[in-house]
């Protein structure tokens, strides 16, 4: 049986996705425009980080690169587990923010 990609099915309103396809409609353009320095800062940081990461990755040995990527994936999964199993109030109390 031929499987149609989720994006194509979403156009036909048959696909249920965990990520809505209307992110831009969720935040008014005036709110984004009011916080343009944040958007520019995120873009600049992403570009610089991608450039630095790519230059380091090219110079690393393959085994070292795999270890670094595996470590980053474990750290990201731990962060996801923490954010999905606790509430912000519990995290704030644990850090003494409240």
Protein backbone atom coordinates (compact mmCIF):
# COMPACT_ATOMS: atom_id res chain seq x y z
CA UNK A 1 0.00 0.00 0.00
CA UNK A 2 1.31 3.44 -0.92
CA UNK A 3 1.77 5.76 2.06
CA UNK A 4 1.11 9.43 1.34
CA UNK A 5 3.30 11.82 3.36
CA UNK A 6 1.63 13.59 6.26
CA UNK A 7 2.07 17.05 4.68
CA UNK A 8 0.16 16.01 1.55
CA UNK A 9 -2.56 14.41 3.63
CA UNK A 10 -2.76 17.53 5.81
CA UNK A 11 -3.67 19.52 2.72
CA UNK A 12 -6.58 17.14 2.25
CA UNK A 13 -7.45 17.42 5.97
CA UNK A 14 -6.95 13.71 6.57
CA UNK A 15 -3.81 13.75 8.66
CA UNK A 16 -3.70 14.39 12.38
CA UNK A 17 -0.37 15.91 13.35
CA UNK A 18 1.12 16.66 16.74
CA UNK A 19 2.43 19.95 15.35
CA UNK A 20 -0.16 22.33 13.94
CA UNK A 21 0.58 23.76 10.51
CA UNK A 22 -0.58 27.27 11.41
CA UNK A 23 2.15 28.52 13.73
CA UNK A 24 2.19 31.97 12.14
CA UNK A 25 -1.53 32.43 12.62
CA UNK A 26 -1.22 31.67 16.34
CA UNK A 27 0.84 34.81 17.06
CA UNK A 28 -0.28 38.13 15.66
CA UNK A 29 2.24 39.93 13.47
CA UNK A 30 2.09 42.96 15.78
CA UNK A 31 3.38 40.84 18.68
CA UNK A 32 6.26 39.54 16.57
CA UNK A 33 7.08 43.03 15.31
CA UNK A 34 7.10 44.38 18.87
CA UNK A 35 9.76 41.83 19.79
CA UNK A 36 11.93 42.10 16.67
CA UNK A 37 15.20 42.37 18.64
CA UNK A 38 14.55 38.92 20.10
CA UNK A 39 13.94 37.45 16.64
CA UNK A 40 17.09 39.05 15.25
CA UNK A 41 19.10 37.84 18.24
CA UNK A 42 17.82 34.27 17.81
CA UNK A 43 18.62 34.33 14.10
CA UNK A 44 22.12 35.73 14.62
CA UNK A 45 22.85 33.21 17.38
CA UNK A 46 21.60 30.35 15.25
CA UNK A 47 23.74 31.39 12.29
CA UNK A 48 26.87 31.84 14.40
CA UNK A 49 26.24 28.56 16.22
CA UNK A 50 25.73 26.68 12.97
CA UNK A 51 28.90 28.13 11.49
CA UNK A 52 30.99 27.33 14.58
CA UNK A 53 29.51 23.84 14.93
CA UNK A 54 30.08 23.02 11.28
CA UNK A 55 33.69 24.21 11.37
CA UNK A 56 34.41 22.15 14.50
CA UNK A 57 32.62 19.09 13.11
CA UNK A 58 34.72 19.15 9.94
CA UNK A 59 37.94 19.12 11.96
CA UNK A 60 36.90 16.41 14.45
CA UNK A 61 37.64 12.74 14.10
CA UNK A 62 34.54 10.73 13.26
CA UNK A 63 34.60 8.77 16.52
CA UNK A 64 34.83 11.99 18.56
CA UNK A 65 32.01 13.58 16.58
CA UNK A 66 29.77 10.57 17.21
CA UNK A 67 30.50 10.73 20.95
CA UNK A 68 29.71 14.45 21.07
CA UNK A 69 26.46 13.95 19.15
CA UNK A 70 25.46 11.03 21.38
CA UNK A 71 26.12 13.11 24.50
CA UNK A 72 24.05 16.00 23.14
CA UNK A 73 21.18 13.64 22.29
CA UNK A 74 21.21 12.18 25.81
CA UNK A 75 21.19 15.67 27.33
CA UNK A 76 18.32 16.77 25.10
CA UNK A 77 16.31 13.67 25.96
CA UNK A 78 16.92 14.27 29.67
CA UNK A 79 15.71 17.86 29.29
CA UNK A 80 12.58 16.63 27.50
CA UNK A 81 11.87 14.08 30.22
CA UNK A 82 12.25 16.74 32.93
CA UNK A 83 9.99 19.21 31.16
CA UNK A 84 7.32 16.59 30.49
CA UNK A 85 7.29 15.11 33.98
CA UNK A 86 7.42 18.26 36.10
CA UNK A 87 5.56 21.53 36.21
CA UNK A 88 7.10 24.96 35.98
CA UNK A 89 6.07 25.67 39.56
CA UNK A 90 7.98 22.63 40.80
CA UNK A 91 11.05 23.63 38.82
CA UNK A 92 10.84 27.21 40.13
CA UNK A 93 10.55 26.05 43.75
CA UNK A 94 13.49 23.69 43.32
CA UNK A 95 15.64 26.58 42.08
CA UNK A 96 14.40 28.99 44.74
CA UNK A 97 12.85 31.39 42.19
CA UNK A 98 9.67 31.79 44.21
